[in-house]
Amino acid sequence: MTQNAAPDRPAATPRPGPGQPAPGGAPNPGQVRRLARQLEASFAAELLRAAWPPQKEGIGGRGTGGDAFDSFMDQALGEALVARGGLGLGTALERAIAARSGGRAAMAAHPPHRLRP
């Protein structure tokens, strides 16, 4: 059994998935903003993890289940922190992400801060 391809039909090109830029294009400002917020929330969660005092493990401590719960709680707290204004990293992260992806429109929306003499 052979497959016959239609000669006048172009080959199918893959479509970008949700939240992905078109091939060769820069992500839109909404995608950049969402990515910057996710990165800031992850960073805040890591700061929270580092701030907790060390705990015992095993029989006398909380064990693996407690560690997993703590991780989820830290991530939720980091996301809540960003939803309430964050750590102040959002704009800088957006500029950096836009610059690395070639998105000049997002750079224009958030120009770098200039220090006054």
PDB file of N, CA and C in Angstrom:
ATOM      1  N   MET A   1       0.852  -1.177   0.000  1.00  0.00           N
ATOM      2  CA  MET A   1       0.000   0.000   0.000  1.00  0.00           C
ATOM      3  C   MET A   1       0.894   1.235   0.000  1.00  0.00           C
ATOM      4  N   THR A   2       0.693   2.145  -0.912  1.00  0.00           N
ATOM      5  CA  THR A   2       1.488   3.360  -1.017  1.00  0.00           C
ATOM      6  C   THR A   2       0.609   4.569  -0.738  1.00  0.00           C
ATOM      7  N   GLN A   3       1.255   5.593  -0.258  1.00  0.00           N
ATOM      8  CA  GLN A   3       0.532   6.831   0.005  1.00  0.00           C
ATOM      9  C   GLN A   3       0.799   7.785  -1.147  1.00  0.00           C
ATOM     10  N   ASN A   4      -0.240   8.405  -1.630  1.00  0.00           N
ATOM     11  CA  ASN A   4      -0.112   9.393  -2.692  1.00  0.00           C
ATOM     12  C   ASN A   4      -0.281  10.772  -2.087  1.00  0.00           C
ATOM     13  N   ALA A   5       0.726  11.608  -2.263  1.00  0.00           N
ATOM     14  CA  ALA A   5       0.650  12.988  -1.779  1.00  0.00           C
ATOM     15  C   ALA A   5       0.162  13.871  -2.902  1.00  0.00           C
ATOM     16  N   ALA A   6      -0.678  14.794  -2.569  1.00  0.00           N
ATOM     17  CA  ALA A   6      -1.173  15.728  -3.564  1.00  0.00           C
ATOM     18  C   ALA A   6      -0.045  16.700  -3.905  1.00  0.00           C
ATOM     19  N   PRO A   7       0.341  16.805  -5.195  1.00  0.00           N
ATOM     20  CA  PRO A   7       1.463  17.654  -5.565  1.00  0.00           C
ATOM     21  C   PRO A   7       1.181  19.140  -5.373  1.00  0.00           C
ATOM     22  N   ASP A   8      -0.069  19.558  -5.436  1.00  0.00           N
ATOM     23  CA  ASP A   8      -0.377  20.981  -5.307  1.00  0.00           C
ATOM     24  C   ASP A   8      -0.622  21.402  -3.859  1.00  0.00           C
ATOM     25  N   ARG A   9      -0.511  20.481  -2.935  1.00  0.00           N
ATOM     26  CA  ARG A   9      -0.759  20.788  -1.528  1.00  0.00           C
ATOM     27  C   ARG A   9       0.584  20.992  -0.802  1.00  0.00           C
ATOM     28  N   PRO A  10       0.780  22.150  -0.147  1.00  0.00           N
ATOM     29  CA  PRO A  10       2.046  22.382   0.556  1.00  0.00           C
ATOM     30  C   PRO A  10       2.142  21.485   1.791  1.00  0.00           C
ATOM     31  N   ALA A  11       3.357  21.211   2.196  1.00  0.00           N
ATOM     32  CA  ALA A  11       3.579  20.407   3.390  1.00  0.00           C
ATOM     33  C   ALA A  11       3.054  21.151   4.613  1.00  0.00           C
ATOM     34  N   ALA A  12       2.501  20.410   5.545  1.00  0.00           N
ATOM     35  CA  ALA A  12       1.961  21.016   6.760  1.00  0.00           C
ATOM     36  C   ALA A  12       3.098  21.569   7.611  1.00  0.00           C
ATOM     37  N   THR A  13       2.900  22.780   8.094  1.00  0.00           N
ATOM     38  CA  THR A  13       3.901  23.381   8.977  1.00  0.00           C
ATOM     39  C   THR A  13       3.383  23.272  10.400  1.00  0.00           C
ATOM     40  N   PRO A  14       4.275  22.993  11.338  1.00  0.00           N
ATOM     41  CA  PRO A  14       3.814  22.877  12.726  1.00  0.00           C
ATOM     42  C   PRO A  14       3.325  24.216  13.251  1.00  0.00           C
ATOM     43  N   ARG A  15       2.264  24.172  14.003  1.00  0.00           N
ATOM     44  CA  ARG A  15       1.714  25.381  14.614  1.00  0.00           C
ATOM     45  C   ARG A  15       2.284  25.524  16.015  1.00  0.00           C
ATOM     46  N   PRO A  16       2.522  26.761  16.434  1.00  0.00           N
ATOM     47  CA  PRO A  16       3.018  26.949  17.795  1.00  0.00           C
ATOM     48  C   PRO A  16       1.947  26.568  18.810  1.00  0.00           C
ATOM     49  N   GLY A  17       2.384  26.037  19.939  1.00  0.00           N
ATOM     50  CA  GLY A  17       1.467  25.674  21.011  1.00  0.00           C
ATOM     51  C   GLY A  17       0.995  26.913  21.754  1.00  0.00           C
ATOM     52  N   PRO A  18       0.074  26.722  22.690  1.00  0.00           N
ATOM     53  CA  PRO A  18      -0.419  27.863  23.461  1.00  0.00           C
ATOM     54  C   PRO A  18       0.719  28.544  24.213  1.00  0.00           C
ATOM     55  N   GLY A  19       0.779  29.852  24.133  1.00  0.00           N
ATOM     56  CA  GLY A  19       1.792  30.608  24.842  1.00  0.00           C
ATOM     57  C   GLY A  19       3.147  30.634  24.172  1.00  0.00           C
ATOM     58  N   GLN A  20       3.270  30.026  22.980  1.00  0.00           N
ATOM     59  CA  GLN A  20       4.542  30.022  22.263  1.00  0.00           C
ATOM     60  C   GLN A  20       4.473  31.013  21.115  1.00  0.00           C
ATOM     61  N   PRO A  21       5.607  31.686  20.827  1.00  0.00           N
ATOM     62  CA  PRO A  21       5.592  32.637  19.723  1.00  0.00           C
ATOM     63  C   PRO A  21       5.561  31.915  18.386  1.00  0.00           C
ATOM     64  N   ALA A  22       5.122  32.628  17.377  1.00  0.00           N
ATOM     65  CA  ALA A  22       5.152  32.074  16.029  1.00  0.00           C
ATOM     66  C   ALA A  22       6.601  31.874  15.616  1.00  0.00           C
ATOM     67  N   PRO A  23       6.886  30.891  14.758  1.00  0.00           N
ATOM     68  CA  PRO A  23       8.274  30.677  14.337  1.00  0.00           C
ATOM     69  C   PRO A  23       8.869  31.945  13.750  1.00  0.00           C
ATOM     70  N   GLY A  24      10.033  32.322  14.232  1.00  0.00           N
ATOM     71  CA  GLY A  24      10.711  33.507  13.735  1.00  0.00           C
ATOM     72  C   GLY A  24      10.188  34.806  14.310  1.00  0.00           C
ATOM     73  N   GLY A  25       9.163  34.755  15.148  1.00  0.00           N
ATOM     74  CA  GLY A  25       8.597  35.972  15.711  1.00  0.00           C
ATOM     75  C   GLY A  25       8.902  36.086  17.183  1.00  0.00           C
ATOM     76  N   ALA A  26       8.748  37.279  17.699  1.00  0.00           N
ATOM     77  CA  ALA A  26       8.974  37.529  19.121  1.00  0.00           C
ATOM     78  C   ALA A  26       7.679  37.275  19.882  1.00  0.00           C
ATOM     79  N   PRO A  27       7.769  36.872  21.135  1.00  0.00           N
ATOM     80  CA  PRO A  27       6.556  36.678  21.921  1.00  0.00           C
ATOM     81  C   PRO A  27       5.844  38.012  22.129  1.00  0.00           C
ATOM     82  N   ASN A  28       4.535  37.941  22.286  1.00  0.00           N
ATOM     83  CA  ASN A  28       3.798  39.185  22.497  1.00  0.00           C
ATOM     84  C   ASN A  28       4.003  39.661  23.936  1.00  0.00           C
ATOM     85  N   PRO A  29       3.715  40.930  24.216  1.00  0.00           N
ATOM     86  CA  PRO A  29       3.953  41.476  25.561  1.00  0.00           C
ATOM     87  C   PRO A  29       3.229  40.722  26.663  1.00  0.00           C
ATOM     88  N   GLY A  30       2.047  40.176  26.376  1.00  0.00           N
ATOM     89  CA  GLY A  30       1.326  39.390  27.385  1.00  0.00           C
ATOM     90  C   GLY A  30       2.082  38.130  27.768  1.00  0.00           C
ATOM     91  N   GLN A  31       2.682  37.468  26.778  1.00  0.00           N
ATOM     92  CA  GLN A  31       3.473  36.274  27.054  1.00  0.00           C
ATOM     93  C   GLN A  31       4.715  36.627  27.867  1.00  0.00           C
ATOM     94  N   VAL A  32       5.349  37.720  27.508  1.00  0.00           N
ATOM     95  CA  VAL A  32       6.552  38.157  28.223  1.00  0.00           C
ATOM     96  C   VAL A  32       6.200  38.484  29.665  1.00  0.00           C
ATOM     97  N   ARG A  33       5.096  39.183  29.874  1.00  0.00           N
ATOM     98  CA  ARG A  33       4.671  39.557  31.227  1.00  0.00           C
ATOM     99  C   ARG A  33       4.369  38.313  32.059  1.00  0.00           C
ATOM    100  N   ARG A  34       3.662  37.349  31.468  1.00  0.00           N
ATOM    101  CA  ARG A  34       3.326  36.119  32.190  1.00  0.00           C
ATOM    102  C   ARG A  34       4.583  35.343  32.571  1.00  0.00           C
ATOM    103  N   LEU A  35       5.521  35.244  31.646  1.00  0.00           N
ATOM    104  CA  LEU A  35       6.768  34.541  31.916  1.00  0.00           C
ATOM    105  C   LEU A  35       7.568  35.243  33.009  1.00  0.00           C
ATOM    106  N   ALA A  36       7.607  36.559  32.977  1.00  0.00           N
ATOM    107  CA  ALA A  36       8.329  37.320  34.006  1.00  0.00           C
ATOM    108  C   ALA A  36       7.695  37.109  35.377  1.00  0.00           C
ATOM    109  N   ARG A  37       6.364  37.067  35.433  1.00  0.00           N
ATOM    110  CA  ARG A  37       5.674  36.836  36.706  1.00  0.00           C
ATOM    111  C   ARG A  37       5.948  35.420  37.224  1.00  0.00           C
ATOM    112  N   GLN A  38       5.976  34.432  36.322  1.00  0.00           N
ATOM    113  CA  GLN A  38       6.276  33.059  36.739  1.00  0.00           C
ATOM    114  C   GLN A  38       7.694  32.963  37.292  1.00  0.00           C
ATOM    115  N   LEU A  39       8.626  33.617  36.626  1.00  0.00           N
ATOM    116  CA  LEU A  39      10.015  33.586  37.075  1.00  0.00           C
ATOM    117  C   LEU A  39      10.159  34.291  38.426  1.00  0.00           C
ATOM    118  N   GLU A  40       9.493  35.419  38.590  1.00  0.00           N
ATOM    119  CA  GLU A  40       9.559  36.141  39.859  1.00  0.00           C
ATOM    120  C   GLU A  40       8.926  35.312  40.983  1.00  0.00           C
ATOM    121  N   ALA A  41       7.820  34.616  40.688  1.00  0.00           N
ATOM    122  CA  ALA A  41       7.177  33.763  41.697  1.00  0.00           C
ATOM    123  C   ALA A  41       8.087  32.603  42.090  1.00  0.00           C
ATOM    124  N   SER A  42       8.774  32.006  41.129  1.00  0.00           N
ATOM    125  CA  SER A  42       9.710  30.919  41.436  1.00  0.00           C
ATOM    126  C   SER A  42      10.867  31.424  42.290  1.00  0.00           C
ATOM    127  N   PHE A  43      11.357  32.605  41.976  1.00  0.00           N
ATOM    128  CA  PHE A  43      12.442  33.192  42.758  1.00  0.00           C
ATOM    129  C   PHE A  43      11.973  33.479  44.188  1.00  0.00           C
ATOM    130  N   ALA A  44      10.764  34.013  44.339  1.00  0.00           N
ATOM    131  CA  ALA A  44      10.219  34.285  45.670  1.00  0.00           C
ATOM    132  C   ALA A  44      10.056  32.984  46.459  1.00  0.00           C
ATOM    133  N   ALA A  45       9.614  31.915  45.794  1.00  0.00           N
ATOM    134  CA  ALA A  45       9.468  30.615  46.461  1.00  0.00           C
ATOM    135  C   ALA A  45      10.817  30.102  46.945  1.00  0.00           C
ATOM    136  N   GLU A  46      11.863  30.280  46.141  1.00  0.00           N
ATOM    137  CA  GLU A  46      13.206  29.852  46.561  1.00  0.00           C
ATOM    138  C   GLU A  46      13.693  30.668  47.753  1.00  0.00           C
ATOM    139  N   LEU A  47      13.381  31.954  47.775  1.00  0.00           N
ATOM    140  CA  LEU A  47      13.745  32.776  48.926  1.00  0.00           C
ATOM    141  C   LEU A  47      13.033  32.282  50.191  1.00  0.00           C
ATOM    142  N   LEU A  48      11.764  31.924  50.045  1.00  0.00           N
ATOM    143  CA  LEU A  48      11.016  31.406  51.190  1.00  0.00           C
ATOM    144  C   LEU A  48      11.606  30.080  51.672  1.00  0.00           C
ATOM    145  N   ARG A  49      11.956  29.188  50.738  1.00  0.00           N
ATOM    146  CA  ARG A  49      12.550  27.900  51.122  1.00  0.00           C
ATOM    147  C   ARG A  49      13.833  28.107  51.912  1.00  0.00           C
ATOM    148  N   ALA A  50      14.630  29.063  51.494  1.00  0.00           N
ATOM    149  CA  ALA A  50      15.901  29.331  52.173  1.00  0.00           C
ATOM    150  C   ALA A  50      15.675  29.974  53.543  1.00  0.00           C
ATOM    151  N   ALA A  51      14.544  30.625  53.748  1.00  0.00           N
ATOM    152  CA  ALA A  51      14.290  31.330  54.996  1.00  0.00           C
ATOM    153  C   ALA A  51      13.791  30.418  56.114  1.00  0.00           C
ATOM    154  N   TRP A  52      13.215  29.272  55.755  1.00  0.00           N
ATOM    155  CA  TRP A  52      12.691  28.385  56.798  1.00  0.00           C
ATOM    156  C   TRP A  52      13.828  27.763  57.593  1.00  0.00           C
ATOM    157  N   PRO A  53      13.622  27.582  58.908  1.00  0.00           N
ATOM    158  CA  PRO A  53      14.663  26.902  59.699  1.00  0.00           C
ATOM    159  C   PRO A  53      14.739  25.422  59.306  1.00  0.00           C
ATOM    160  N   PRO A  54      15.915  24.789  59.450  1.00  0.00           N
ATOM    161  CA  PRO A  54      16.034  23.372  59.108  1.00  0.00           C
ATOM    162  C   PRO A  54      15.149  22.519  60.012  1.00  0.00           C
ATOM    163  N   GLN A  55      14.599  21.448  59.431  1.00  0.00           N
ATOM    164  CA  GLN A  55      13.719  20.561  60.188  1.00  0.00           C
ATOM    165  C   GLN A  55      14.298  19.159  60.211  1.00  0.00           C
ATOM    166  N   LYS A  56      13.902  18.411  61.239  1.00  0.00           N
ATOM    167  CA  LYS A  56      14.318  17.005  61.329  1.00  0.00           C
ATOM    168  C   LYS A  56      13.601  16.196  60.261  1.00  0.00           C
ATOM    169  N   GLU A  57      14.232  15.105  59.858  1.00  0.00           N
ATOM    170  CA  GLU A  57      13.595  14.188  58.911  1.00  0.00           C
ATOM    171  C   GLU A  57      13.418  12.835  59.575  1.00  0.00           C
ATOM    172  N   GLY A  58      12.628  12.012  58.965  1.00  0.00           N
ATOM    173  CA  GLY A  58      12.448  10.653  59.467  1.00  0.00           C
ATOM    174  C   GLY A  58      11.366  10.569  60.523  1.00  0.00           C
ATOM    175  N   ILE A  59      11.546   9.628  61.467  1.00  0.00           N
ATOM    176  CA  ILE A  59      10.505   9.335  62.453  1.00  0.00           C
ATOM    177  C   ILE A  59      10.174  10.553  63.313  1.00  0.00           C
ATOM    178  N   GLY A  60      11.187  11.293  63.735  1.00  0.00           N
ATOM    179  CA  GLY A  60      10.923  12.434  64.604  1.00  0.00           C
ATOM    180  C   GLY A  60      10.532  13.696  63.866  1.00  0.00           C
ATOM    181  N   GLY A  61      10.670  13.709  62.543  1.00  0.00           N
ATOM    182  CA  GLY A  61      10.384  14.922  61.778  1.00  0.00           C
ATOM    183  C   GLY A  61       9.177  14.754  60.883  1.00  0.00           C
ATOM    184  N   ARG A  62       9.117  15.553  59.869  1.00  0.00           N
ATOM    185  CA  ARG A  62       7.937  15.550  59.005  1.00  0.00           C
ATOM    186  C   ARG A  62       8.069  14.602  57.844  1.00  0.00           C
ATOM    187  N   GLY A  63       9.273  14.290  57.392  1.00  0.00           N
ATOM    188  CA  GLY A  63       9.466  13.325  56.321  1.00  0.00           C
ATOM    189  C   GLY A  63       9.180  13.869  54.945  1.00  0.00           C
ATOM    190  N   THR A  64       9.091  12.953  53.977  1.00  0.00           N
ATOM    191  CA  THR A  64       8.933  13.316  52.571  1.00  0.00           C
ATOM    192  C   THR A  64       7.611  14.022  52.299  1.00  0.00           C
ATOM    193  N   GLY A  65       6.537  13.551  52.908  1.00  0.00           N
ATOM    194  CA  GLY A  65       5.235  14.193  52.701  1.00  0.00           C
ATOM    195  C   GLY A  65       5.238  15.638  53.153  1.00  0.00           C
ATOM    196  N   GLY A  66       5.875  15.885  54.290  1.00  0.00           N
ATOM    197  CA  GLY A  66       5.961  17.253  54.796  1.00  0.00           C
ATOM    198  C   GLY A  66       6.807  18.128  53.893  1.00  0.00           C
ATOM    199  N   ASP A  67       7.899  17.566  53.360  1.00  0.00           N
ATOM    200  CA  ASP A  67       8.751  18.319  52.442  1.00  0.00           C
ATOM    201  C   ASP A  67       7.994  18.698  51.174  1.00  0.00           C
ATOM    202  N   ALA A  68       7.191  17.762  50.638  1.00  0.00           N
ATOM    203  CA  ALA A  68       6.410  18.047  49.433  1.00  0.00           C
ATOM    204  C   ALA A  68       5.388  19.149  49.721  1.00  0.00           C
ATOM    205  N   PHE A  69       4.723  19.047  50.871  1.00  0.00           N
ATOM    206  CA  PHE A  69       3.742  20.069  51.237  1.00  0.00           C
ATOM    207  C   PHE A  69       4.416  21.427  51.350  1.00  0.00           C
ATOM    208  N   ASP A  70       5.591  21.459  52.003  1.00  0.00           N
ATOM    209  CA  ASP A  70       6.316  22.722  52.156  1.00  0.00           C
ATOM    210  C   ASP A  70       6.655  23.330  50.802  1.00  0.00           C
ATOM    211  N   SER A  71       7.057  22.493  49.859  1.00  0.00           N
ATOM    212  CA  SER A  71       7.409  22.976  48.529  1.00  0.00           C
ATOM    213  C   SER A  71       6.199  23.600  47.830  1.00  0.00           C
ATOM    214  N   PHE A  72       5.045  22.923  47.909  1.00  0.00           N
ATOM    215  CA  PHE A  72       3.830  23.459  47.302  1.00  0.00           C
ATOM    216  C   PHE A  72       3.411  24.761  47.986  1.00  0.00           C
ATOM    217  N   MET A  73       3.557  24.793  49.308  1.00  0.00           N
ATOM    218  CA  MET A  73       3.184  25.998  50.050  1.00  0.00           C
ATOM    219  C   MET A  73       4.097  27.164  49.679  1.00  0.00           C
ATOM    220  N   ASP A  74       5.391  26.906  49.579  1.00  0.00           N
ATOM    221  CA  ASP A  74       6.318  27.968  49.189  1.00  0.00           C
ATOM    222  C   ASP A  74       5.982  28.512  47.812  1.00  0.00           C
ATOM    223  N   GLN A  75       5.653  27.619  46.866  1.00  0.00           N
ATOM    224  CA  GLN A  75       5.302  28.059  45.516  1.00  0.00           C
ATOM    225  C   GLN A  75       4.020  28.889  45.539  1.00  0.00           C
ATOM    226  N   ALA A  76       3.024  28.446  46.298  1.00  0.00           N
ATOM    227  CA  ALA A  76       1.764  29.198  46.394  1.00  0.00           C
ATOM    228  C   ALA A  76       1.989  30.567  47.030  1.00  0.00           C
ATOM    229  N   LEU A  77       2.824  30.616  48.061  1.00  0.00           N
ATOM    230  CA  LEU A  77       3.126  31.899  48.695  1.00  0.00           C
ATOM    231  C   LEU A  77       3.890  32.822  47.737  1.00  0.00           C
ATOM    232  N   GLY A  78       4.807  32.255  46.950  1.00  0.00           N
ATOM    233  CA  GLY A  78       5.533  33.052  45.960  1.00  0.00           C
ATOM    234  C   GLY A  78       4.600  33.627  44.910  1.00  0.00           C
ATOM    235  N   GLU A  79       3.640  32.814  44.445  1.00  0.00           N
ATOM    236  CA  GLU A  79       2.669  33.293  43.458  1.00  0.00           C
ATOM    237  C   GLU A  79       1.770  34.374  44.050  1.00  0.00           C
ATOM    238  N   ALA A  80       1.367  34.194  45.314  1.00  0.00           N
ATOM    239  CA  ALA A  80       0.530  35.201  45.976  1.00  0.00           C
ATOM    240  C   ALA A  80       1.302  36.502  46.168  1.00  0.00           C
ATOM    241  N   LEU A  81       2.569  36.378  46.489  1.00  0.00           N
ATOM    242  CA  LEU A  81       3.412  37.563  46.662  1.00  0.00           C
ATOM    243  C   LEU A  81       3.502  38.360  45.359  1.00  0.00           C
ATOM    244  N   VAL A  82       3.691  37.662  44.246  1.00  0.00           N
ATOM    245  CA  VAL A  82       3.780  38.332  42.943  1.00  0.00           C
ATOM    246  C   VAL A  82       2.426  38.935  42.554  1.00  0.00           C
ATOM    247  N   ALA A  83       1.342  38.247  42.881  1.00  0.00           N
ATOM    248  CA  ALA A  83       0.009  38.774  42.573  1.00  0.00           C
ATOM    249  C   ALA A  83      -0.277  40.064  43.334  1.00  0.00           C
ATOM    250  N   ARG A  84       0.390  40.263  44.468  1.00  0.00           N
ATOM    251  CA  ARG A  84       0.186  41.455  45.289  1.00  0.00           C
ATOM    252  C   ARG A  84       1.243  42.527  45.044  1.00  0.00           C
ATOM    253  N   GLY A  85       2.011  42.392  43.991  1.00  0.00           N
ATOM    254  CA  GLY A  85       3.002  43.421  43.678  1.00  0.00           C
ATOM    255  C   GLY A  85       4.409  42.890  43.530  1.00  0.00           C
ATOM    256  N   GLY A  86       4.659  41.729  44.069  1.00  0.00           N
ATOM    257  CA  GLY A  86       5.943  41.067  43.859  1.00  0.00           C
ATOM    258  C   GLY A  86       7.107  41.677  44.607  1.00  0.00           C
ATOM    259  N   LEU A  87       8.277  41.313  44.143  1.00  0.00           N
ATOM    260  CA  LEU A  87       9.526  41.743  44.750  1.00  0.00           C
ATOM    261  C   LEU A  87      10.116  42.964  44.056  1.00  0.00           C
ATOM    262  N   GLY A  88       9.422  43.453  43.031  1.00  0.00           N
ATOM    263  CA  GLY A  88       9.928  44.587  42.281  1.00  0.00           C
ATOM    264  C   GLY A  88      10.840  44.183  41.130  1.00  0.00           C
ATOM    265  N   LEU A  89      10.837  42.903  40.776  1.00  0.00           N
ATOM    266  CA  LEU A  89      11.697  42.420  39.703  1.00  0.00           C
ATOM    267  C   LEU A  89      10.972  42.302  38.366  1.00  0.00           C
ATOM    268  N   GLY A  90       9.657  42.400  38.368  1.00  0.00           N
ATOM    269  CA  GLY A  90       8.855  42.134  37.174  1.00  0.00           C
ATOM    270  C   GLY A  90       9.247  42.930  35.943  1.00  0.00           C
ATOM    271  N   THR A  91       9.389  44.236  36.081  1.00  0.00           N
ATOM    272  CA  THR A  91       9.709  45.089  34.936  1.00  0.00           C
ATOM    273  C   THR A  91      11.095  44.771  34.386  1.00  0.00           C
ATOM    274  N   ALA A  92      12.062  44.579  35.283  1.00  0.00           N
ATOM    275  CA  ALA A  92      13.425  44.250  34.831  1.00  0.00           C
ATOM    276  C   ALA A  92      13.451  42.894  34.139  1.00  0.00           C
ATOM    277  N   LEU A  93      12.693  41.932  34.660  1.00  0.00           N
ATOM    278  CA  LEU A  93      12.632  40.612  34.025  1.00  0.00           C
ATOM    279  C   LEU A  93      11.967  40.695  32.655  1.00  0.00           C
ATOM    280  N   GLU A  94      10.895  41.481  32.549  1.00  0.00           N
ATOM    281  CA  GLU A  94      10.224  41.656  31.257  1.00  0.00           C
ATOM    282  C   GLU A  94      11.182  42.232  30.221  1.00  0.00           C
ATOM    283  N   ARG A  95      11.937  43.262  30.602  1.00  0.00           N
ATOM    284  CA  ARG A  95      12.896  43.859  29.669  1.00  0.00           C
ATOM    285  C   ARG A  95      13.947  42.840  29.240  1.00  0.00           C
ATOM    286  N   ALA A  96      14.456  42.068  30.193  1.00  0.00           N
ATOM    287  CA  ALA A  96      15.499  41.090  29.881  1.00  0.00           C
ATOM    288  C   ALA A  96      14.968  39.983  28.977  1.00  0.00           C
ATOM    289  N   ILE A  97      13.769  39.500  29.257  1.00  0.00           N
ATOM    290  CA  ILE A  97      13.179  38.438  28.432  1.00  0.00           C
ATOM    291  C   ILE A  97      12.913  38.959  27.031  1.00  0.00           C
ATOM    292  N   ALA A  98      12.364  40.169  26.937  1.00  0.00           N
ATOM    293  CA  ALA A  98      12.071  40.748  25.619  1.00  0.00           C
ATOM    294  C   ALA A  98      13.351  40.959  24.819  1.00  0.00           C
ATOM    295  N   ALA A  99      14.404  41.421  25.489  1.00  0.00           N
ATOM    296  CA  ALA A  99      15.671  41.669  24.792  1.00  0.00           C
ATOM    297  C   ALA A  99      16.277  40.369  24.282  1.00  0.00           C
ATOM    298  N   ARG A 100      16.214  39.325  25.089  1.00  0.00           N
ATOM    299  CA  ARG A 100      16.803  38.040  24.681  1.00  0.00           C
ATOM    300  C   ARG A 100      16.003  37.376  23.571  1.00  0.00           C
ATOM    301  N   SER A 101      14.696  37.662  23.500  1.00  0.00           N
ATOM    302  CA  SER A 101      13.869  37.058  22.464  1.00  0.00           C
ATOM    303  C   SER A 101      13.759  37.940  21.233  1.00  0.00           C
ATOM    304  N   GLY A 102      14.395  39.104  21.261  1.00  0.00           N
ATOM    305  CA  GLY A 102      14.362  39.994  20.107  1.00  0.00           C
ATOM    306  C   GLY A 102      13.120  40.861  20.061  1.00  0.00           C
ATOM    307  N   GLY A 103      12.346  40.931  21.144  1.00  0.00           N
ATOM    308  CA  GLY A 103      11.108  41.706  21.169  1.00  0.00           C
ATOM    309  C   GLY A 103      11.354  43.164  21.467  1.00  0.00           C
ATOM    310  N   ARG A 104      11.502  43.974  20.464  1.00  0.00           N
ATOM    311  CA  ARG A 104      11.763  45.396  20.662  1.00  0.00           C
ATOM    312  C   ARG A 104      10.522  46.144  21.141  1.00  0.00           C
ATOM    313  N   ALA A 105       9.324  45.640  20.829  1.00  0.00           N
ATOM    314  CA  ALA A 105       8.107  46.321  21.257  1.00  0.00           C
ATOM    315  C   ALA A 105       7.995  46.315  22.773  1.00  0.00           C
ATOM    316  N   ALA A 106       8.330  45.186  23.396  1.00  0.00           N
ATOM    317  CA  ALA A 106       8.263  45.114  24.854  1.00  0.00           C
ATOM    318  C   ALA A 106       9.334  45.992  25.486  1.00  0.00           C
ATOM    319  N   MET A 107      10.485  46.113  24.826  1.00  0.00           N
ATOM    320  CA  MET A 107      11.544  46.989  25.343  1.00  0.00           C
ATOM    321  C   MET A 107      11.066  48.440  25.328  1.00  0.00           C
ATOM    322  N   ALA A 108      10.343  48.814  24.277  1.00  0.00           N
ATOM    323  CA  ALA A 108       9.850  50.182  24.177  1.00  0.00           C
ATOM    324  C   ALA A 108       8.783  50.447  25.236  1.00  0.00           C
ATOM    325  N   ALA A 109       7.999  49.414  25.586  1.00  0.00           N
ATOM    326  CA  ALA A 109       6.959  49.581  26.593  1.00  0.00           C
ATOM    327  C   ALA A 109       7.549  49.768  27.983  1.00  0.00           C
ATOM    328  N   HIS A 110       8.742  49.207  28.231  1.00  0.00           N
ATOM    329  CA  HIS A 110       9.406  49.317  29.533  1.00  0.00           C
ATOM    330  C   HIS A 110      10.846  49.758  29.321  1.00  0.00           C
ATOM    331  N   PRO A 111      11.077  51.043  29.022  1.00  0.00           N
ATOM    332  CA  PRO A 111      12.444  51.488  28.788  1.00  0.00           C
ATOM    333  C   PRO A 111      13.253  51.395  30.072  1.00  0.00           C
ATOM    334  N   PRO A 112      14.570  51.198  29.961  1.00  0.00           N
ATOM    335  CA  PRO A 112      15.409  51.127  31.159  1.00  0.00           C
ATOM    336  C   PRO A 112      15.350  52.429  31.944  1.00  0.00           C
ATOM    337  N   HIS A 113      15.441  52.294  33.257  1.00  0.00           N
ATOM    338  CA  HIS A 113      15.429  53.472  34.123  1.00  0.00           C
ATOM    339  C   HIS A 113      16.743  54.228  33.980  1.00  0.00           C
ATOM    340  N   ARG A 114      16.658  55.513  33.951  1.00  0.00           N
ATOM    341  CA  ARG A 114      17.846  56.367  33.862  1.00  0.00           C
ATOM    342  C   ARG A 114      18.085  56.996  35.229  1.00  0.00           C
ATOM    343  N   LEU A 115      19.313  56.958  35.687  1.00  0.00           N
ATOM    344  CA  LEU A 115      19.659  57.613  36.938  1.00  0.00           C
ATOM    345  C   LEU A 115      19.855  59.092  36.683  1.00  0.00           C
ATOM    346  N   ARG A 116      19.363  59.890  37.568  1.00  0.00           N
ATOM    347  CA  ARG A 116      19.527  61.336  37.439  1.00  0.00           C
ATOM    348  C   ARG A 116      20.839  61.735  38.077  1.00  0.00           C
ATOM    349  N   PRO A 117      21.571  62.666  37.431  1.00  0.00           N
ATOM    350  CA  PRO A 117      22.857  63.104  38.026  1.00  0.00           C
ATOM    351  C   PRO A 117      22.665  63.921  39.271  1.00  0.00           C
TER     352      PRO A 117
END
